[in-house]
């Protein structure tokens, strides 16, 4: 379930100075300052995010990605074999950020039930802030065959494991945690298909009720 509240996107890191830009489509992926080959990969992911926001995944070419990333085509192939591989990497990066949003919205020292609505609101509002990329990452990932499905399952498992850690394995089973993640995914997919991605926050009460109903079954 990828997503992120829009924050600063790193453009460069030179001589200890980090430069940023704000409110760009590539803010969907916030990457740590890196150097050398790792910086090139980060720039390619931001380039992919910007390109698909501008043109959609189907019409995005590798030429578009490397132009947005300000790197060479050769550099692209040093990191990714295909455009689909780059999309999967973008999906994974965005999903790590989504999990970070959830972690930062929950205080382990407080009762989870009092915080679940706040955490889900932060998560859903973060996704709603990037509607074009949300459609790409939720819909297009399903069209990439086994590799896309495997990436989606890995992400779902990470979020389900986090839910188990917060709620407690004595209250919910791994299977039920995965069912909750899948249910919220379907709510988001339906909202995207209905053109309501910018209003994902409206799903918060339903998503919260689902979590609580499963835990208190």
Protein backbone atom coordinates (compact mmCIF):
# COMPACT_ATOMS: atom_id res chain seq x y z
CA UNK A 1 0.00 0.00 0.00
CA UNK A 2 2.35 2.69 -1.12
CA UNK A 3 2.10 6.36 -0.22
CA UNK A 4 3.72 9.34 1.47
CA UNK A 5 2.89 12.76 2.81
CA UNK A 6 4.60 15.20 0.38
CA UNK A 7 7.85 16.39 1.87
CA UNK A 8 11.14 17.68 0.56
CA UNK A 9 12.74 15.77 -2.28
CA UNK A 10 16.50 15.77 -2.33
CA UNK A 11 18.04 17.19 -5.48
CA UNK A 12 21.72 17.17 -4.64
CA UNK A 13 24.20 16.73 -1.83
CA UNK A 14 27.46 18.55 -2.35
CA UNK A 15 30.05 19.70 0.17
CA UNK A 16 27.68 18.97 3.03
CA UNK A 17 24.85 21.04 1.55
CA UNK A 18 21.58 19.38 0.63
CA UNK A 19 19.35 21.17 -1.86
CA UNK A 20 15.62 20.54 -2.04
CA UNK A 21 12.55 21.29 -4.08
CA UNK A 22 8.98 21.18 -2.83
CA UNK A 23 5.58 20.10 -4.08
CA UNK A 24 6.77 18.09 -7.08
CA UNK A 25 5.26 14.77 -8.21
CA UNK A 26 8.52 13.02 -7.39
CA UNK A 27 8.00 13.98 -3.74
CA UNK A 28 6.17 10.65 -3.61
CA UNK A 29 9.60 9.10 -3.10
CA UNK A 30 11.79 10.79 -0.50
CA UNK A 31 15.33 9.51 -0.73
CA UNK A 32 18.24 9.93 1.62
CA UNK A 33 21.30 11.86 0.42
CA UNK A 34 23.71 9.40 -1.21
CA UNK A 35 26.79 9.49 -3.33
CA UNK A 36 28.08 7.83 -6.49
CA UNK A 37 26.22 4.85 -7.87
CA UNK A 38 23.55 4.92 -5.14
CA UNK A 39 22.80 8.56 -5.89
CA UNK A 40 22.25 7.65 -9.54
CA UNK A 41 19.71 5.01 -8.55
CA UNK A 42 17.90 7.50 -6.34
CA UNK A 43 17.81 10.01 -9.18
CA UNK A 44 16.42 7.40 -11.55
CA UNK A 45 13.59 6.60 -9.15
CA UNK A 46 12.77 10.29 -8.86
CA UNK A 47 12.98 10.54 -12.65
CA UNK A 48 10.52 7.67 -13.01
CA UNK A 49 8.17 9.27 -10.49
CA UNK A 50 8.25 12.59 -12.35
CA UNK A 51 7.85 10.99 -15.78
CA UNK A 52 4.86 8.83 -14.88
CA UNK A 53 3.21 11.80 -13.17
CA UNK A 54 3.58 13.78 -16.39
CA UNK A 55 2.74 11.08 -18.96
CA UNK A 56 1.47 7.96 -17.23
CA UNK A 57 3.40 4.70 -17.10
CA UNK A 58 2.31 3.36 -20.49
CA UNK A 59 3.58 6.42 -22.35
CA UNK A 60 6.73 6.85 -20.29
CA UNK A 61 9.93 5.81 -22.05
CA UNK A 62 13.40 5.15 -20.74
CA UNK A 63 14.43 8.34 -22.55
CA UNK A 64 11.89 10.24 -20.42
CA UNK A 65 13.23 8.71 -17.22
CA UNK A 66 16.89 9.47 -17.88
CA UNK A 67 16.04 13.00 -19.00
CA UNK A 68 14.18 13.69 -15.76
CA UNK A 69 16.98 12.07 -13.77
CA UNK A 70 19.72 13.94 -15.67
CA UNK A 71 21.69 10.74 -16.21
CA UNK A 72 22.65 8.72 -19.29
CA UNK A 73 20.82 5.75 -20.75
CA UNK A 74 23.90 3.68 -19.91
CA UNK A 75 23.47 4.65 -16.26
CA UNK A 76 19.86 3.48 -16.39
CA UNK A 77 20.92 0.02 -17.57
CA UNK A 78 23.53 -0.19 -14.84
CA UNK A 79 20.64 -0.25 -12.37
CA UNK A 80 17.60 -1.63 -14.19
CA UNK A 81 17.13 -4.10 -17.02
CA UNK A 82 13.75 -2.71 -18.07
CA UNK A 83 11.27 0.09 -17.45
CA UNK A 84 9.18 -2.41 -15.47
CA UNK A 85 12.12 -3.11 -13.14
CA UNK A 86 12.37 0.61 -12.45
CA UNK A 87 8.64 0.81 -11.68
CA UNK A 88 8.92 -2.09 -9.24
CA UNK A 89 11.83 -0.34 -7.51
CA UNK A 90 9.77 2.86 -7.31
CA UNK A 91 6.87 0.87 -5.85
CA UNK A 92 9.18 -0.63 -3.21
CA UNK A 93 10.64 2.78 -2.30
CA UNK A 94 7.20 4.37 -2.01
CA UNK A 95 6.01 1.47 0.11
CA UNK A 96 8.91 1.86 2.52
CA UNK A 97 7.89 5.48 2.89
CA UNK A 98 4.30 4.44 3.54
CA UNK A 99 5.42 2.19 6.35
CA UNK A 100 7.54 5.03 7.73
CA UNK A 101 4.43 7.26 7.78
CA UNK A 102 2.55 4.63 9.78
CA UNK A 103 5.42 4.13 12.22
CA UNK A 104 5.80 7.84 12.84
CA UNK A 105 2.05 8.22 13.40
CA UNK A 106 1.92 5.58 16.14
CA UNK A 107 3.35 5.95 19.64
CA UNK A 108 4.25 2.44 20.91
CA UNK A 109 3.78 3.67 24.46
CA UNK A 110 0.10 4.46 23.96
CA UNK A 111 -2.92 2.28 23.33
CA UNK A 112 -3.09 1.32 19.65
CA UNK A 113 -6.88 1.65 19.53
CA UNK A 114 -6.68 5.34 20.38
CA UNK A 115 -4.18 5.92 17.58
CA UNK A 116 -5.44 3.74 14.73
CA UNK A 117 -7.65 6.41 13.16
CA UNK A 118 -4.90 9.04 13.33
CA UNK A 119 -2.36 6.67 11.74
CA UNK A 120 -4.69 5.60 8.93
CA UNK A 121 -5.65 9.21 8.23
CA UNK A 122 -1.96 10.13 7.85
CA UNK A 123 -1.42 7.15 5.56
CA UNK A 124 -4.45 7.78 3.33
CA UNK A 125 -3.94 11.53 3.14
CA UNK A 126 -0.36 10.92 2.08
CA UNK A 127 -1.50 8.77 -0.81
CA UNK A 128 -4.19 11.25 -1.80
CA UNK A 129 -1.59 13.97 -2.25
CA UNK A 130 -0.16 12.20 -5.33
CA UNK A 131 -3.18 11.00 -7.36
CA UNK A 132 -1.42 10.32 -10.69
CA UNK A 133 1.35 8.31 -9.10
CA UNK A 134 -1.13 6.48 -6.89
CA UNK A 135 -2.98 5.22 -9.92
CA UNK A 136 0.27 4.15 -11.54
CA UNK A 137 1.57 2.34 -8.50
CA UNK A 138 -1.69 0.67 -7.55
CA UNK A 139 -2.94 -0.23 -11.03
CA UNK A 140 0.12 -0.65 -13.23
CA UNK A 141 1.97 -2.83 -10.74
CA UNK A 142 -0.75 -5.44 -11.26
CA UNK A 143 0.01 -5.51 -14.99
CA UNK A 144 3.66 -6.48 -14.62
CA UNK A 145 3.11 -10.20 -14.24
CA UNK A 146 4.71 -12.37 -11.57
CA UNK A 147 7.34 -9.77 -10.64
CA UNK A 148 4.71 -7.12 -9.97
CA UNK A 149 2.55 -9.50 -7.94
CA UNK A 150 5.57 -10.61 -5.92
CA UNK A 151 6.43 -6.98 -5.15
CA UNK A 152 2.85 -6.31 -4.04
CA UNK A 153 2.85 -9.38 -1.78
CA UNK A 154 6.13 -8.34 -0.17
CA UNK A 155 4.72 -4.90 0.60
CA UNK A 156 1.47 -6.31 1.98
CA UNK A 157 3.42 -8.72 4.19
CA UNK A 158 5.57 -5.93 5.62
CA UNK A 159 2.50 -3.88 6.54
CA UNK A 160 0.71 -6.93 7.99
CA UNK A 161 3.80 -7.70 10.09
CA UNK A 162 3.82 -4.13 11.35
CA UNK A 163 0.15 -4.40 12.32
CA UNK A 164 0.94 -7.58 14.26
CA UNK A 165 3.70 -5.79 16.12
CA UNK A 166 1.49 -2.85 17.08
CA UNK A 167 -1.72 -4.71 17.92
CA UNK A 168 -0.11 -7.86 19.30
CA UNK A 169 -0.13 -11.43 18.09
CA UNK A 170 -2.33 -12.35 21.03
CA UNK A 171 -5.11 -10.20 19.55
CA UNK A 172 -4.85 -10.95 15.84
CA UNK A 173 -3.45 -13.77 13.72
CA UNK A 174 -1.08 -13.26 10.77
CA UNK A 175 -3.84 -14.38 8.42
CA UNK A 176 -6.30 -11.82 9.77
CA UNK A 177 -3.67 -9.07 9.65
CA UNK A 178 -3.11 -9.84 5.96
CA UNK A 179 -6.87 -9.84 5.41
CA UNK A 180 -7.09 -6.32 6.88
CA UNK A 181 -4.28 -5.08 4.63
CA UNK A 182 -5.98 -6.64 1.61
CA UNK A 183 -9.32 -5.12 2.55
CA UNK A 184 -7.89 -1.61 2.84
CA UNK A 185 -6.08 -2.12 -0.47
CA UNK A 186 -9.40 -2.93 -2.14
CA UNK A 187 -11.01 0.19 -0.69
CA UNK A 188 -8.17 2.28 -2.12
CA UNK A 189 -8.37 0.55 -5.51
CA UNK A 190 -12.11 1.18 -5.70
CA UNK A 191 -11.63 4.84 -4.84
CA UNK A 192 -8.96 5.16 -7.56
CA UNK A 193 -11.21 3.51 -10.14
CA UNK A 194 -14.08 5.81 -9.13
CA UNK A 195 -11.91 8.91 -9.51
CA UNK A 196 -11.89 9.62 -5.77
CA UNK A 197 -8.16 9.26 -5.12
CA UNK A 198 -7.86 12.86 -3.90
CA UNK A 199 -10.44 12.02 -1.21
CA UNK A 200 -8.83 8.87 0.15
CA UNK A 201 -8.92 10.37 3.63
CA UNK A 202 -12.68 9.78 3.59
CA UNK A 203 -11.93 6.05 3.87
CA UNK A 204 -10.43 6.52 7.34
CA UNK A 205 -13.57 5.68 9.39
CA UNK A 206 -14.23 2.52 7.36
CA UNK A 207 -10.61 1.38 7.49
CA UNK A 208 -10.46 2.06 11.25
CA UNK A 209 -13.68 0.14 11.82
CA UNK A 210 -12.27 -2.81 9.85
CA UNK A 211 -9.13 -2.96 11.99
CA UNK A 212 -11.09 -2.74 15.24
CA UNK A 213 -13.70 -5.29 14.16
CA UNK A 214 -11.05 -7.85 13.28
CA UNK A 215 -9.11 -7.32 16.50
CA UNK A 216 -12.25 -7.47 18.68
CA UNK A 217 -13.81 -10.42 16.84
